[in-house]
All heavy atoms as atom14 arrays in JSON, in Angstrom:
{
  "sequence": "EGAPKPDGPTRYDGGGVGPGFFEALRVPMVEGRGFV",
  "atom14_mask": [
    [1, 1, 1, 1, 1, 1, 1, 1, 1, 0, 0, 0, 0, 0],
    [1, 1, 1, 1, 0, 0, 0, 0, 0, 0, 0, 0, 0, 0],
    [1, 1, 1, 1, 1, 0, 0, 0, 0, 0, 0, 0, 0, 0],
    [1, 1, 1, 1, 1, 1, 1, 0, 0, 0, 0, 0, 0, 0],
    [1, 1, 1, 1, 1, 1, 1, 1, 1, 0, 0, 0, 0, 0],
    [1, 1, 1, 1, 1, 1, 1, 0, 0, 0, 0, 0, 0, 0],
    [1, 1, 1, 1, 1, 1, 1, 1, 0, 0, 0, 0, 0, 0],
    [1, 1, 1, 1, 0, 0, 0, 0, 0, 0, 0, 0, 0, 0],
    [1, 1, 1, 1, 1, 1, 1, 0, 0, 0, 0, 0, 0, 0],
    [1, 1, 1, 1, 1, 1, 1, 0, 0, 0, 0, 0, 0, 0],
    [1, 1, 1, 1, 1, 1, 1, 1, 1, 1, 1, 0, 0, 0],
    [1, 1, 1, 1, 1, 1, 1, 1, 1, 1, 1, 1, 0, 0],
    [1, 1, 1, 1, 1, 1, 1, 1, 0, 0, 0, 0, 0, 0],
    [1, 1, 1, 1, 0, 0, 0, 0, 0, 0, 0, 0, 0, 0],
    [1, 1, 1, 1, 0, 0, 0, 0, 0, 0, 0, 0, 0, 0],
    [1, 1, 1, 1, 0, 0, 0, 0, 0, 0, 0, 0, 0, 0],
    [1, 1, 1, 1, 1, 1, 1, 0, 0, 0, 0, 0, 0, 0],
    [1, 1, 1, 1, 0, 0, 0, 0, 0, 0, 0, 0, 0, 0],
    [1, 1, 1, 1, 1, 1, 1, 0, 0, 0, 0, 0, 0, 0],
    [1, 1, 1, 1, 0, 0, 0, 0, 0, 0, 0, 0, 0, 0],
    [1, 1, 1, 1, 1, 1, 1, 1, 1, 1, 1, 0, 0, 0],
    [1, 1, 1, 1, 1, 1, 1, 1, 1, 1, 1, 0, 0, 0],
    [1, 1, 1, 1, 1, 1, 1, 1, 1, 0, 0, 0, 0, 0],
    [1, 1, 1, 1, 1, 0, 0, 0, 0, 0, 0, 0, 0, 0],
    [1, 1, 1, 1, 1, 1, 1, 1, 0, 0, 0, 0, 0, 0],
    [1, 1, 1, 1, 1, 1, 1, 1, 1, 1, 1, 0, 0, 0],
    [1, 1, 1, 1, 1, 1, 1, 0, 0, 0, 0, 0, 0, 0],
    [1, 1, 1, 1, 1, 1, 1, 0, 0, 0, 0, 0, 0, 0],
    [1, 1, 1, 1, 1, 1, 1, 1, 0, 0, 0, 0, 0, 0],
    [1, 1, 1, 1, 1, 1, 1, 0, 0, 0, 0, 0, 0, 0],
    [1, 1, 1, 1, 1, 1, 1, 1, 1, 0, 0, 0, 0, 0],
    [1, 1, 1, 1, 0, 0, 0, 0, 0, 0, 0, 0, 0, 0],
    [1, 1, 1, 1, 1, 1, 1, 1, 1, 1, 1, 0, 0, 0],
    [1, 1, 1, 1, 0, 0, 0, 0, 0, 0, 0, 0, 0, 0],
    [1, 1, 1, 1, 1, 1, 1, 1, 1, 1, 1, 0, 0, 0],
    [1, 1, 1, 1, 1, 1, 1, 0, 0, 0, 0, 0, 0, 0]
  ],
  "atom14_positions": [
    [[117.98, 98.4, 119.99], [118.96, 99.11, 120.82], [118.62, 98.95, 122.3], [117.47, 99.13, 122.71], [118.97, 100.58, 120.45], [120.04, 101.37, 121.2], [120.09, 102.82, 120.75], [119.03, 103.48, 120.73], [121.19, 103.28, 120.43], [0.0, 0.0, 0.0], [0.0, 0.0, 0.0], [0.0, 0.0, 0.0], [0.0, 0.0, 0.0], [0.0, 0.0, 0.0]],
    [[119.6, 98.58, 123.09], [119.43, 98.45, 124.52], [118.84, 97.13, 124.97], [118.7, 96.9, 126.17], [0.0, 0.0, 0.0], [0.0, 0.0, 0.0], [0.0, 0.0, 0.0], [0.0, 0.0, 0.0], [0.0, 0.0, 0.0], [0.0, 0.0, 0.0], [0.0, 0.0, 0.0], [0.0, 0.0, 0.0], [0.0, 0.0, 0.0], [0.0, 0.0, 0.0]],
    [[118.47, 96.29, 124.04], [117.89, 94.99, 124.39], [118.94, 93.91, 124.2], [119.75, 93.98, 123.28], [116.67, 94.68, 123.52], [0.0, 0.0, 0.0], [0.0, 0.0, 0.0], [0.0, 0.0, 0.0], [0.0, 0.0, 0.0], [0.0, 0.0, 0.0], [0.0, 0.0, 0.0], [0.0, 0.0, 0.0], [0.0, 0.0, 0.0], [0.0, 0.0, 0.0]],
    [[118.93, 92.91, 125.07], [119.87, 91.81, 124.87], [119.56, 91.09, 123.56], [118.4, 91.02, 123.14], [119.64, 90.89, 126.07], [118.32, 91.29, 126.63], [118.05, 92.7, 126.21], [0.0, 0.0, 0.0], [0.0, 0.0, 0.0], [0.0, 0.0, 0.0], [0.0, 0.0, 0.0], [0.0, 0.0, 0.0], [0.0, 0.0, 0.0], [0.0, 0.0, 0.0]],
    [[120.59, 90.59, 122.95], [120.39, 89.85, 121.71], [119.59, 88.59, 122.03], [119.91, 87.85, 122.95], [121.74, 89.49, 121.09], [121.59, 88.86, 119.73], [122.92, 88.76, 119.03], [122.66, 87.99, 117.76], [123.11, 88.59, 116.59], [0.0, 0.0, 0.0], [0.0, 0.0, 0.0], [0.0, 0.0, 0.0], [0.0, 0.0, 0.0], [0.0, 0.0, 0.0]],
    [[118.51, 88.36, 121.28], [117.67, 87.19, 121.58], [118.36, 85.88, 121.22], [119.27, 85.85, 120.39], [116.44, 87.41, 120.69], [116.92, 88.29, 119.59], [118.03, 89.12, 120.16], [0.0, 0.0, 0.0], [0.0, 0.0, 0.0], [0.0, 0.0, 0.0], [0.0, 0.0, 0.0], [0.0, 0.0, 0.0], [0.0, 0.0, 0.0], [0.0, 0.0, 0.0]],
    [[117.93, 84.82, 121.88], [118.4, 83.49, 121.51], [117.78, 83.15, 120.16], [116.56, 83.2, 120.01], [117.99, 82.45, 122.55], [118.67, 82.69, 123.88], [119.78, 83.26, 123.89], [118.08, 82.32, 124.91], [0.0, 0.0, 0.0], [0.0, 0.0, 0.0], [0.0, 0.0, 0.0], [0.0, 0.0, 0.0], [0.0, 0.0, 0.0], [0.0, 0.0, 0.0]],
    [[118.59, 82.83, 119.22], [118.08, 82.51, 117.89], [117.81, 83.76, 117.08], [117.85, 84.87, 117.59], [0.0, 0.0, 0.0], [0.0, 0.0, 0.0], [0.0, 0.0, 0.0], [0.0, 0.0, 0.0], [0.0, 0.0, 0.0], [0.0, 0.0, 0.0], [0.0, 0.0, 0.0], [0.0, 0.0, 0.0], [0.0, 0.0, 0.0], [0.0, 0.0, 0.0]],
    [[117.53, 83.59, 115.81], [117.33, 84.76, 114.94], [115.99, 85.45, 115.18], [115.01, 84.82, 115.55], [117.37, 84.15, 113.54], [116.96, 82.73, 113.73], [117.44, 82.33, 115.1], [0.0, 0.0, 0.0], [0.0, 0.0, 0.0], [0.0, 0.0, 0.0], [0.0, 0.0, 0.0], [0.0, 0.0, 0.0], [0.0, 0.0, 0.0], [0.0, 0.0, 0.0]],
    [[115.99, 86.74, 115.05], [114.78, 87.54, 115.04], [114.65, 88.07, 113.63], [115.44, 88.9, 113.21], [114.86, 88.71, 116.05], [115.07, 88.17, 117.34], [113.59, 89.52, 116.05], [0.0, 0.0, 0.0], [0.0, 0.0, 0.0], [0.0, 0.0, 0.0], [0.0, 0.0, 0.0], [0.0, 0.0, 0.0], [0.0, 0.0, 0.0], [0.0, 0.0, 0.0]],
    [[113.72, 87.57, 112.89], [113.58, 87.89, 111.47], [112.42, 88.86, 111.25], [111.53, 88.96, 112.07], [113.33, 86.62, 110.65], [114.35, 85.55, 110.87], [115.64, 85.92, 110.22], [116.58, 84.82, 110.39], [117.77, 84.81, 109.85], [118.18, 85.8, 109.12], [118.58, 83.8, 110.06], [0.0, 0.0, 0.0], [0.0, 0.0, 0.0], [0.0, 0.0, 0.0]],
    [[112.45, 89.54, 110.14], [111.36, 90.43, 109.8], [111.14, 90.45, 108.3], [112.03, 90.13, 107.53], [111.63, 91.85, 110.31], [112.72, 92.55, 109.54], [112.4, 93.41, 108.5], [114.06, 92.36, 109.85], [113.39, 94.05, 107.79], [115.04, 93.0, 109.14], [114.7, 93.85, 108.11], [115.69, 94.48, 107.4], [0.0, 0.0, 0.0], [0.0, 0.0, 0.0]],
    [[109.96, 90.83, 107.94], [109.61, 91.08, 106.55], [109.29, 92.57, 106.45], [108.63, 93.12, 107.32], [108.38, 90.28, 106.12], [108.67, 88.79, 106.02], [109.73, 88.45, 105.5], [107.84, 87.99, 106.47], [0.0, 0.0, 0.0], [0.0, 0.0, 0.0], [0.0, 0.0, 0.0], [0.0, 0.0, 0.0], [0.0, 0.0, 0.0], [0.0, 0.0, 0.0]],
    [[109.75, 93.19, 105.42], [109.49, 94.6, 105.27], [109.78, 95.05, 103.87], [110.27, 94.28, 103.05], [0.0, 0.0, 0.0], [0.0, 0.0, 0.0], [0.0, 0.0, 0.0], [0.0, 0.0, 0.0], [0.0, 0.0, 0.0], [0.0, 0.0, 0.0], [0.0, 0.0, 0.0], [0.0, 0.0, 0.0], [0.0, 0.0, 0.0], [0.0, 0.0, 0.0]],
    [[109.49, 96.26, 103.61], [109.75, 96.83, 102.3], [109.81, 98.33, 102.42], [109.42, 98.89, 103.43], [0.0, 0.0, 0.0], [0.0, 0.0, 0.0], [0.0, 0.0, 0.0], [0.0, 0.0, 0.0], [0.0, 0.0, 0.0], [0.0, 0.0, 0.0], [0.0, 0.0, 0.0], [0.0, 0.0, 0.0], [0.0, 0.0, 0.0], [0.0, 0.0, 0.0]],
    [[110.31, 98.95, 101.39], [110.39, 100.4, 101.38], [109.11, 101.03, 100.88], [108.57, 100.61, 99.86], [0.0, 0.0, 0.0], [0.0, 0.0, 0.0], [0.0, 0.0, 0.0], [0.0, 0.0, 0.0], [0.0, 0.0, 0.0], [0.0, 0.0, 0.0], [0.0, 0.0, 0.0], [0.0, 0.0, 0.0], [0.0, 0.0, 0.0], [0.0, 0.0, 0.0]],
    [[108.62, 102.02, 101.6], [107.46, 102.78, 101.16], [107.75, 104.26, 101.38], [108.66, 104.62, 102.13], [106.16, 102.38, 101.9], [105.87, 100.9, 101.71], [106.21, 102.72, 103.37], [0.0, 0.0, 0.0], [0.0, 0.0, 0.0], [0.0, 0.0, 0.0], [0.0, 0.0, 0.0], [0.0, 0.0, 0.0], [0.0, 0.0, 0.0], [0.0, 0.0, 0.0]],
    [[107.0, 105.1, 100.73], [107.23, 106.52, 100.85], [106.04, 107.26, 101.4], [105.04, 106.66, 101.82], [0.0, 0.0, 0.0], [0.0, 0.0, 0.0], [0.0, 0.0, 0.0], [0.0, 0.0, 0.0], [0.0, 0.0, 0.0], [0.0, 0.0, 0.0], [0.0, 0.0, 0.0], [0.0, 0.0, 0.0], [0.0, 0.0, 0.0], [0.0, 0.0, 0.0]],
    [[106.12, 108.6, 101.4], [105.03, 109.43, 101.9], [103.72, 109.11, 101.19], [103.68, 108.91, 99.98], [105.49, 110.85, 101.57], [106.99, 110.75, 101.55], [107.27, 109.39, 100.96], [0.0, 0.0, 0.0], [0.0, 0.0, 0.0], [0.0, 0.0, 0.0], [0.0, 0.0, 0.0], [0.0, 0.0, 0.0], [0.0, 0.0, 0.0], [0.0, 0.0, 0.0]],
    [[102.66, 109.03, 101.96], [101.33, 108.79, 101.41], [100.94, 107.33, 101.31], [99.78, 107.02, 101.03], [0.0, 0.0, 0.0], [0.0, 0.0, 0.0], [0.0, 0.0, 0.0], [0.0, 0.0, 0.0], [0.0, 0.0, 0.0], [0.0, 0.0, 0.0], [0.0, 0.0, 0.0], [0.0, 0.0, 0.0], [0.0, 0.0, 0.0], [0.0, 0.0, 0.0]],
    [[101.87, 106.41, 101.57], [101.58, 104.99, 101.4], [100.47, 104.52, 102.34], [99.5, 103.91, 101.92], [102.85, 104.17, 101.64], [102.64, 102.68, 101.54], [102.61, 102.05, 100.31], [102.48, 101.9, 102.67], [102.43, 100.68, 100.2], [102.28, 100.53, 102.59], [102.26, 99.92, 101.34], [0.0, 0.0, 0.0], [0.0, 0.0, 0.0], [0.0, 0.0, 0.0]],
    [[100.62, 104.8, 103.63], [99.65, 104.32, 104.61], [98.29, 104.99, 104.41], [97.24, 104.36, 104.55], [100.16, 104.51, 106.03], [101.44, 103.78, 106.29], [102.63, 104.46, 106.48], [101.47, 102.39, 106.31], [103.81, 103.77, 106.69], [102.65, 101.69, 106.52], [103.82, 102.39, 106.71], [0.0, 0.0, 0.0], [0.0, 0.0, 0.0], [0.0, 0.0, 0.0]],
    [[98.29, 106.27, 104.06], [97.05, 106.98, 103.81], [96.33, 106.39, 102.59], [95.11, 106.22, 102.61], [97.32, 108.48, 103.59], [97.86, 109.19, 104.81], [99.38, 109.06, 104.98], [100.04, 108.34, 104.2], [99.89, 109.67, 105.92], [0.0, 0.0, 0.0], [0.0, 0.0, 0.0], [0.0, 0.0, 0.0], [0.0, 0.0, 0.0], [0.0, 0.0, 0.0]],
    [[97.08, 106.09, 101.55], [96.48, 105.54, 100.33], [95.82, 104.19, 100.58], [94.77, 103.89, 100.01], [97.54, 105.4, 99.23], [0.0, 0.0, 0.0], [0.0, 0.0, 0.0], [0.0, 0.0, 0.0], [0.0, 0.0, 0.0], [0.0, 0.0, 0.0], [0.0, 0.0, 0.0], [0.0, 0.0, 0.0], [0.0, 0.0, 0.0], [0.0, 0.0, 0.0]],
    [[96.41, 103.4, 101.46], [95.84, 102.09, 101.78], [94.89, 102.15, 102.97], [94.37, 101.12, 103.41], [96.96, 101.08, 102.06], [97.82, 100.72, 100.87], [98.88, 99.69, 101.25], [96.99, 100.21, 99.71], [0.0, 0.0, 0.0], [0.0, 0.0, 0.0], [0.0, 0.0, 0.0], [0.0, 0.0, 0.0], [0.0, 0.0, 0.0], [0.0, 0.0, 0.0]],
    [[94.7, 103.35, 103.51], [93.83, 103.59, 104.66], [94.24, 102.75, 105.87], [93.41, 102.18, 106.58], [92.37, 103.35, 104.29], [91.91, 104.33, 103.25], [90.47, 104.21, 102.96], [90.14, 105.23, 101.95], [89.09, 105.17, 101.18], [88.24, 104.18, 101.3], [88.86, 106.11, 100.31], [0.0, 0.0, 0.0], [0.0, 0.0, 0.0], [0.0, 0.0, 0.0]],
    [[95.54, 102.69, 106.08], [96.09, 102.02, 107.27], [96.2, 103.09, 108.36], [96.94, 104.05, 108.2], [97.47, 101.4, 106.97], [98.06, 100.78, 108.23], [97.37, 100.38, 105.85], [0.0, 0.0, 0.0], [0.0, 0.0, 0.0], [0.0, 0.0, 0.0], [0.0, 0.0, 0.0], [0.0, 0.0, 0.0], [0.0, 0.0, 0.0], [0.0, 0.0, 0.0]],
    [[95.46, 102.92, 109.46], [95.46, 103.95, 110.5], [96.8, 104.07, 111.21], [97.45, 103.08, 111.51], [94.38, 103.49, 111.48], [93.64, 102.4, 110.82], [94.52, 101.84, 109.75], [0.0, 0.0, 0.0], [0.0, 0.0, 0.0], [0.0, 0.0, 0.0], [0.0, 0.0, 0.0], [0.0, 0.0, 0.0], [0.0, 0.0, 0.0], [0.0, 0.0, 0.0]],
    [[97.18, 105.31, 111.49], [98.35, 105.6, 112.3], [97.91, 105.51, 113.76], [96.96, 106.17, 114.17], [98.86, 106.99, 111.97], [100.21, 107.32, 112.53], [101.59, 106.35, 111.89], [101.49, 106.56, 110.13], [0.0, 0.0, 0.0], [0.0, 0.0, 0.0], [0.0, 0.0, 0.0], [0.0, 0.0, 0.0], [0.0, 0.0, 0.0], [0.0, 0.0, 0.0]],
    [[98.57, 104.67, 114.54], [98.25, 104.48, 115.95], [98.99, 105.51, 116.8], [98.46, 106.02, 117.78], [98.6, 103.04, 116.4], [98.42, 102.86, 117.88], [97.79, 102.03, 115.62], [0.0, 0.0, 0.0], [0.0, 0.0, 0.0], [0.0, 0.0, 0.0], [0.0, 0.0, 0.0], [0.0, 0.0, 0.0], [0.0, 0.0, 0.0], [0.0, 0.0, 0.0]],
    [[100.2, 105.8, 116.4], [101.05, 106.71, 117.18], [102.11, 107.3, 116.25], [102.55, 106.65, 115.31], [101.72, 105.92, 118.31], [102.52, 106.76, 119.26], [103.17, 105.95, 120.39], [103.2, 104.71, 120.3], [103.65, 106.58, 121.33], [0.0, 0.0, 0.0], [0.0, 0.0, 0.0], [0.0, 0.0, 0.0], [0.0, 0.0, 0.0], [0.0, 0.0, 0.0]],
    [[102.5, 108.52, 116.52], [103.56, 109.14, 115.73], [103.07, 109.59, 114.37], [101.93, 110.02, 114.22], [0.0, 0.0, 0.0], [0.0, 0.0, 0.0], [0.0, 0.0, 0.0], [0.0, 0.0, 0.0], [0.0, 0.0, 0.0], [0.0, 0.0, 0.0], [0.0, 0.0, 0.0], [0.0, 0.0, 0.0], [0.0, 0.0, 0.0], [0.0, 0.0, 0.0]],
    [[103.92, 109.42, 113.37], [103.61, 109.91, 112.03], [104.02, 108.91, 110.96], [104.79, 107.99, 111.22], [104.34, 111.23, 111.78], [105.88, 111.07, 111.76], [106.55, 112.36, 111.32], [108.0, 112.3, 111.37], [108.78, 111.81, 110.4], [108.25, 111.28, 109.31], [110.1, 111.82, 110.53], [0.0, 0.0, 0.0], [0.0, 0.0, 0.0], [0.0, 0.0, 0.0]],
    [[103.52, 109.14, 109.78], [103.96, 108.37, 108.62], [105.2, 109.02, 108.03], [105.77, 109.95, 108.61], [0.0, 0.0, 0.0], [0.0, 0.0, 0.0], [0.0, 0.0, 0.0], [0.0, 0.0, 0.0], [0.0, 0.0, 0.0], [0.0, 0.0, 0.0], [0.0, 0.0, 0.0], [0.0, 0.0, 0.0], [0.0, 0.0, 0.0], [0.0, 0.0, 0.0]],
    [[105.59, 108.55, 106.88], [106.77, 109.1, 106.22], [106.46, 110.45, 105.59], [105.35, 110.69, 105.12], [107.28, 108.13, 105.16], [107.79, 106.84, 105.74], [107.09, 105.66, 105.53], [108.93, 106.8, 106.49], [107.54, 104.46, 106.06], [109.4, 105.62, 107.04], [108.7, 104.44, 106.82], [0.0, 0.0, 0.0], [0.0, 0.0, 0.0], [0.0, 0.0, 0.0]],
    [[107.45, 111.33, 105.57], [107.35, 112.63, 104.93], [108.49, 112.76, 103.93], [109.44, 111.97, 103.94], [107.39, 113.78, 105.97], [106.18, 113.73, 106.9], [108.68, 113.74, 106.79], [0.0, 0.0, 0.0], [0.0, 0.0, 0.0], [0.0, 0.0, 0.0], [0.0, 0.0, 0.0], [0.0, 0.0, 0.0], [0.0, 0.0, 0.0], [0.0, 0.0, 0.0]]
  ]
}
């Protein structure tokens, strides 16, 4: 939002996860919060 559309595709890989996912894998939260 608010950014010009980039030249060429901007692709991503992702998946759905729920509450507790990052904690279970011990992935540190840098800022904000995980899912609730």
